[in-house]
Amino acid sequence: MPELPEVETIVRALAVRLQGATVTSAKYWPSRVFRGVTPPPLDGAFVKEVRRHGKFVLIELNRGYLAIHLGMTGKLLFDVPQNKYTRAQWLFDGLLLSLEDIRQFGRVIWSEGLPEGLRLLGPDPLEISSREFVTRARSHRTGIKSLLLAQTFVRGLGNIYVDELLFRASVHPTHSSASLSQKQLTHMWQEMRALLEEAIEGGGSSISDYVDTAGRQGTFQREHRVYGRAGEPCLACGSPIQKITLAQRGTHFCPVCQKV
């Protein structure tokens, strides 16, 4: 599932081409793509802003918001022909944007204001201050991995980047967030920002289906230090990377670098 760096990569490409553009037409095919209300006719609406909100692509029009979540296999692609996996198409001043989704776990939310579900999400990992991050983390007693995955804590992190972050921060994924010191959490905040910025620079991680709006894979998967490397030697100490199930997710860590 695309996480913050992948969605940010997509949003930056969309913003360059769609900012200020006018919707010429919109087509939707019978599917589970819409959650809630289907958009009214959007012909003549113009794009005020394209931005990321957690793992959502948010297209703000002068008439409302299209919030797009790509799920596991969703793709937003420019200028590709319709096919059996096309769920929606928008034409912006002659520029065709298609939403393709094989497994149909992605969704589009239409709302006249910012969708309520998005308003309930936590702060952005690239915008939250170190002080707020530390305070929020120490107010919970849950395991740190579970907390970082909770979109109400910070929005946009998923399994890949939480595993990578905890390795960089030398924190075991089962540690209680409240038991971590201010120094540890400040270091984690620093590593979180650095990790996400590096991943965005690399165009995100292509583990399975993720591609950008031009159909290109990301490159940051080559830089993963623990995720997807179970049984392989730790790049820091040489110990085998372990994988356990935690918070119903496959969790990768180094038992030596990330001691309990």
Protein backbone atom coordinates (compact mmCIF):
# COMPACT_ATOMS: atom_id res chain seq x y z
CA MET A 1 0.00 0.00 0.00
CA PRO A 2 1.46 3.39 -0.94
CA GLU A 3 2.60 5.30 2.14
CA LEU A 4 3.60 8.91 2.67
CA PRO A 5 6.65 9.00 0.31
CA GLU A 6 4.79 7.28 -2.53
CA VAL A 7 1.73 9.52 -2.19
CA GLU A 8 3.91 12.61 -1.93
CA THR A 9 5.70 11.60 -5.15
CA ILE A 10 2.35 11.26 -6.91
CA VAL A 11 1.00 14.53 -5.49
CA ARG A 12 4.01 16.53 -6.64
CA ALA A 13 3.59 15.21 -10.19
CA LEU A 14 -0.14 15.93 -10.15
CA ALA A 15 0.27 19.43 -8.76
CA VAL A 16 2.63 20.52 -11.53
CA ARG A 17 0.17 19.54 -14.24
CA LEU A 18 -3.24 20.05 -12.64
CA GLN A 19 -2.91 23.26 -10.61
CA GLY A 20 -5.39 25.73 -12.06
CA ALA A 21 -6.70 23.27 -14.67
CA THR A 22 -10.41 22.96 -15.44
CA VAL A 23 -12.35 19.70 -15.37
CA THR A 24 -13.67 19.01 -18.86
CA SER A 25 -15.35 15.70 -18.05
CA ALA A 26 -15.40 12.90 -15.49
CA LYS A 27 -16.32 9.23 -15.96
CA TYR A 28 -16.81 6.50 -13.37
CA TRP A 29 -17.28 2.79 -13.87
CA PRO A 30 -19.41 0.52 -11.65
CA SER A 31 -17.14 -0.53 -8.81
CA ARG A 32 -16.51 -0.02 -5.13
CA VAL A 33 -14.41 3.08 -5.83
CA PHE A 34 -16.75 5.60 -4.19
CA ARG A 35 -17.33 5.62 -0.46
CA GLY A 36 -20.36 7.71 0.32
CA VAL A 37 -21.62 10.27 -2.18
CA THR A 38 -20.80 10.08 -5.90
CA PRO A 39 -19.56 13.47 -7.13
CA PRO A 40 -22.01 15.70 -8.97
CA PRO A 41 -21.11 16.73 -12.53
CA LEU A 42 -17.77 18.51 -12.28
CA ASP A 43 -17.59 20.03 -15.76
CA GLY A 44 -16.19 23.54 -15.47
CA ALA A 45 -14.80 23.10 -11.96
CA PHE A 46 -11.17 24.15 -11.59
CA VAL A 47 -8.35 22.82 -9.43
CA LYS A 48 -7.41 25.16 -6.60
CA GLU A 49 -4.75 22.90 -5.07
CA VAL A 50 -3.39 19.36 -5.09
CA ARG A 51 -1.83 18.22 -1.85
CA ARG A 52 -1.23 15.17 0.29
CA HIS A 53 -3.16 14.50 3.48
CA GLY A 54 -1.62 11.45 5.11
CA LYS A 55 -1.95 8.66 2.56
CA PHE A 56 -4.66 10.53 0.64
CA VAL A 57 -4.24 12.47 -2.58
CA LEU A 58 -6.40 15.53 -2.01
CA ILE A 59 -7.62 17.48 -5.04
CA GLU A 60 -9.31 20.68 -3.93
CA LEU A 61 -11.71 22.08 -6.52
CA ASN A 62 -13.64 25.31 -6.33
CA ARG A 63 -16.72 23.13 -5.74
CA GLY A 64 -15.40 20.62 -3.24
CA TYR A 65 -12.80 17.95 -2.58
CA LEU A 66 -11.82 14.69 -4.24
CA ALA A 67 -9.87 12.59 -1.71
CA ILE A 68 -8.24 9.56 -3.34
CA HIS A 69 -6.79 6.63 -1.38
CA LEU A 70 -4.96 4.13 -3.57
CA GLY A 71 -5.44 1.09 -1.34
CA MET A 72 -3.17 -1.82 -2.22
CA THR A 73 -3.12 -1.72 -6.02
CA GLY A 74 -4.44 1.69 -7.03
CA LYS A 75 -2.58 3.82 -9.58
CA LEU A 76 -3.08 7.36 -10.83
CA LEU A 77 -1.75 7.58 -14.37
CA PHE A 78 -1.66 10.30 -17.00
CA ASP A 79 -2.73 9.65 -20.59
CA VAL A 80 -3.32 5.89 -20.57
CA PRO A 81 -6.20 4.20 -22.44
CA GLN A 82 -9.19 2.82 -20.59
CA ASN A 83 -8.88 -0.84 -19.63
CA LYS A 84 -10.74 -3.36 -17.47
CA TYR A 85 -9.10 -2.01 -14.31
CA THR A 86 -10.04 1.64 -14.93
CA ARG A 87 -12.32 2.84 -12.15
CA ALA A 88 -12.43 6.58 -12.87
CA GLN A 89 -11.17 9.06 -15.44
CA TRP A 90 -10.98 12.83 -15.27
CA LEU A 91 -10.17 15.11 -18.19
CA PHE A 92 -8.44 18.36 -17.19
CA ASP A 93 -8.04 20.80 -20.10
CA GLY A 94 -7.31 17.86 -22.41
CA LEU A 95 -5.06 16.06 -19.90
CA LEU A 96 -6.43 12.61 -19.00
CA LEU A 97 -5.97 11.27 -15.46
CA SER A 98 -7.03 7.66 -14.81
CA LEU A 99 -7.50 5.76 -11.60
CA GLU A 100 -6.72 2.08 -12.11
CA ASP A 101 -7.20 -0.48 -9.35
CA ILE A 102 -6.99 -4.24 -9.81
CA ARG A 103 -8.23 -5.30 -6.37
CA GLN A 104 -10.55 -2.34 -5.78
CA PHE A 105 -9.39 -1.59 -2.24
CA GLY A 106 -8.74 2.01 -3.27
CA ARG A 107 -11.45 4.60 -2.87
CA VAL A 108 -12.52 8.09 -3.82
CA ILE A 109 -14.33 10.31 -1.35
CA TRP A 110 -16.28 13.35 -2.53
CA SER A 111 -17.15 16.12 -0.10
CA GLU A 112 -18.02 19.80 -0.33
CA GLY A 113 -15.66 20.44 2.60
CA LEU A 114 -12.62 18.57 3.83
CA PRO A 115 -13.92 15.00 4.40
CA GLU A 116 -14.64 14.26 8.04
CA GLY A 117 -12.44 11.17 8.10
CA LEU A 118 -9.45 13.22 6.99
CA ARG A 119 -10.08 15.85 9.66
CA LEU A 120 -9.75 13.15 12.32
CA LEU A 121 -6.24 12.13 11.26
CA GLY A 122 -3.19 13.10 13.30
CA PRO A 123 -0.50 15.63 12.34
CA ASP A 124 1.80 15.12 9.38
CA PRO A 125 5.17 13.48 10.21
CA LEU A 126 6.99 16.15 8.19
CA GLU A 127 5.19 18.99 9.97
CA ILE A 128 4.92 17.88 13.60
CA SER A 129 7.43 19.51 15.94
CA SER A 130 9.83 17.40 17.99
CA ARG A 131 8.20 18.62 21.19
CA GLU A 132 4.71 17.63 20.07
CA PHE A 133 5.96 14.26 18.80
CA VAL A 134 7.63 13.47 22.14
CA THR A 135 4.65 14.66 24.18
CA ARG A 136 2.13 12.68 22.13
CA ALA A 137 4.25 9.52 22.15
CA ARG A 138 4.85 9.57 25.91
CA SER A 139 1.13 9.99 26.58
CA HIS A 140 0.45 6.49 25.23
CA ARG A 141 1.33 3.12 26.73
CA THR A 142 0.89 1.09 23.57
CA GLY A 143 3.75 -0.56 21.67
CA ILE A 144 5.68 1.96 19.63
CA LYS A 145 5.09 0.21 16.30
CA SER A 146 1.34 0.06 16.86
CA LEU A 147 1.35 3.73 17.82
CA LEU A 148 3.29 4.85 14.76
CA LEU A 149 0.90 2.91 12.52
CA ALA A 150 -2.13 4.64 14.09
CA GLN A 151 -3.20 7.36 11.66
CA THR A 152 -4.67 9.37 14.53
CA PHE A 153 -1.17 9.65 16.04
CA VAL A 154 0.61 10.79 12.88
CA ARG A 155 -0.83 10.43 9.41
CA GLY A 156 0.93 8.76 6.51
CA LEU A 157 3.25 6.14 8.01
CA GLY A 158 2.72 2.47 7.17
CA ASN A 159 4.41 -0.86 7.69
CA ILE A 160 7.44 -0.24 5.46
CA TYR A 161 8.54 3.07 6.90
CA VAL A 162 7.71 2.23 10.52
CA ASP A 163 10.00 -0.82 10.34
CA GLU A 164 12.72 1.25 8.70
CA LEU A 165 12.28 4.09 11.19
CA LEU A 166 12.50 1.87 14.26
CA PHE A 167 15.70 0.30 12.95
CA ARG A 168 17.26 3.71 12.36
CA ALA A 169 16.18 4.80 15.82
CA SER A 170 17.52 1.56 17.43
CA VAL A 171 14.16 0.87 19.08
CA HIS A 172 12.53 -2.55 19.33
CA PRO A 173 9.03 -2.52 17.80
CA THR A 174 7.39 -3.91 20.97
CA HIS A 175 8.72 -1.17 23.29
CA SER A 176 6.03 0.81 25.09
CA SER A 177 6.02 4.35 23.76
CA ALA A 178 5.68 5.72 27.30
CA SER A 179 8.87 3.92 28.35
CA LEU A 180 11.00 5.70 25.77
CA SER A 181 13.05 8.64 26.96
CA GLN A 182 12.82 12.15 25.57
CA LYS A 183 16.25 11.64 24.02
CA GLN A 184 15.15 8.44 22.29
CA LEU A 185 11.97 10.00 20.95
CA THR A 186 13.73 13.14 19.79
CA HIS A 187 16.20 10.96 17.92
CA MET A 188 13.28 9.01 16.43
CA TRP A 189 11.65 12.27 15.28
CA GLN A 190 14.91 13.30 13.58
CA GLU A 191 15.26 9.92 11.88
CA MET A 192 11.61 9.99 10.81
CA ARG A 193 12.04 13.24 8.94
CA ALA A 194 15.32 12.16 7.36
CA LEU A 195 13.92 8.77 6.30
CA LEU A 196 10.81 10.22 4.69
CA GLU A 197 12.72 12.94 2.86
CA GLU A 198 15.20 10.36 1.51
CA ALA A 199 12.34 8.11 0.41
CA ILE A 200 10.58 10.98 -1.37
CA GLU A 201 13.83 11.85 -3.11
CA GLY A 202 14.01 8.23 -4.30
CA GLY A 203 10.47 8.36 -5.69
CA GLY A 204 9.13 6.03 -3.00
CA SER A 205 9.40 2.26 -2.62
CA SER A 206 8.06 -0.11 -5.28
CA ILE A 207 7.44 -3.38 -3.44
CA SER A 208 4.60 -4.66 -5.60
CA ASP A 209 2.21 -2.43 -7.55
CA TYR A 210 3.27 1.13 -6.79
CA VAL A 211 4.29 3.35 -9.73
CA ASP A 212 4.22 7.12 -10.20
CA THR A 213 1.92 9.01 -12.59
CA ALA A 214 4.18 8.13 -15.53
CA GLY A 215 4.17 4.42 -14.66
CA ARG A 216 7.73 4.45 -13.26
CA GLN A 217 8.75 2.46 -10.21
CA GLY A 218 10.36 4.08 -7.19
CA THR A 219 13.93 3.28 -6.18
CA PHE A 220 13.97 3.57 -2.40
CA GLN A 221 13.32 -0.16 -1.90
CA ARG A 222 17.02 -0.58 -2.68
CA GLU A 223 17.80 1.37 0.49
CA HIS A 224 15.67 -0.69 2.88
CA ARG A 225 17.69 -1.90 5.84
CA VAL A 226 15.21 -4.31 7.43
CA TYR A 227 11.87 -4.36 5.59
CA GLY A 228 11.60 -7.44 3.37
CA ARG A 229 15.03 -8.70 4.48
CA ALA A 230 14.05 -11.47 6.93
CA GLY A 231 16.91 -13.93 7.36
CA GLU A 232 19.42 -11.66 5.66
CA PRO A 233 22.35 -10.19 7.61
CA CYS A 234 21.84 -6.84 9.32
CA LEU A 235 23.73 -4.18 7.40
CA ALA A 236 25.04 -2.79 10.71
CA CYS A 237 25.98 -5.85 12.79
CA GLY A 238 25.56 -8.90 10.56
CA SER A 239 22.91 -10.62 12.71
CA PRO A 240 19.99 -12.18 10.79
CA ILE A 241 17.01 -9.86 10.40
CA GLN A 242 13.98 -11.32 12.17
CA LYS A 243 10.33 -11.16 11.19
CA ILE A 244 7.42 -11.45 13.60
CA THR A 245 3.74 -10.60 13.44
CA LEU A 246 2.87 -7.48 15.39
CA ALA A 247 -0.30 -5.42 15.18
CA GLN A 248 -1.36 -7.94 12.51
CA ARG A 249 1.57 -6.84 10.35
CA GLY A 250 4.77 -8.55 9.34
CA THR A 251 7.42 -6.76 11.38
CA HIS A 252 11.13 -6.72 10.50
CA PHE A 253 13.88 -5.83 12.97
CA CYS A 254 17.42 -6.61 14.06
CA PRO A 255 17.46 -8.37 17.45
CA VAL A 256 20.91 -6.98 18.24
CA CYS A 257 20.59 -3.37 17.05
CA GLN A 258 17.02 -3.14 18.38
CA LYS A 259 17.15 -4.85 21.76
CA VAL A 260 14.02 -5.30 23.85
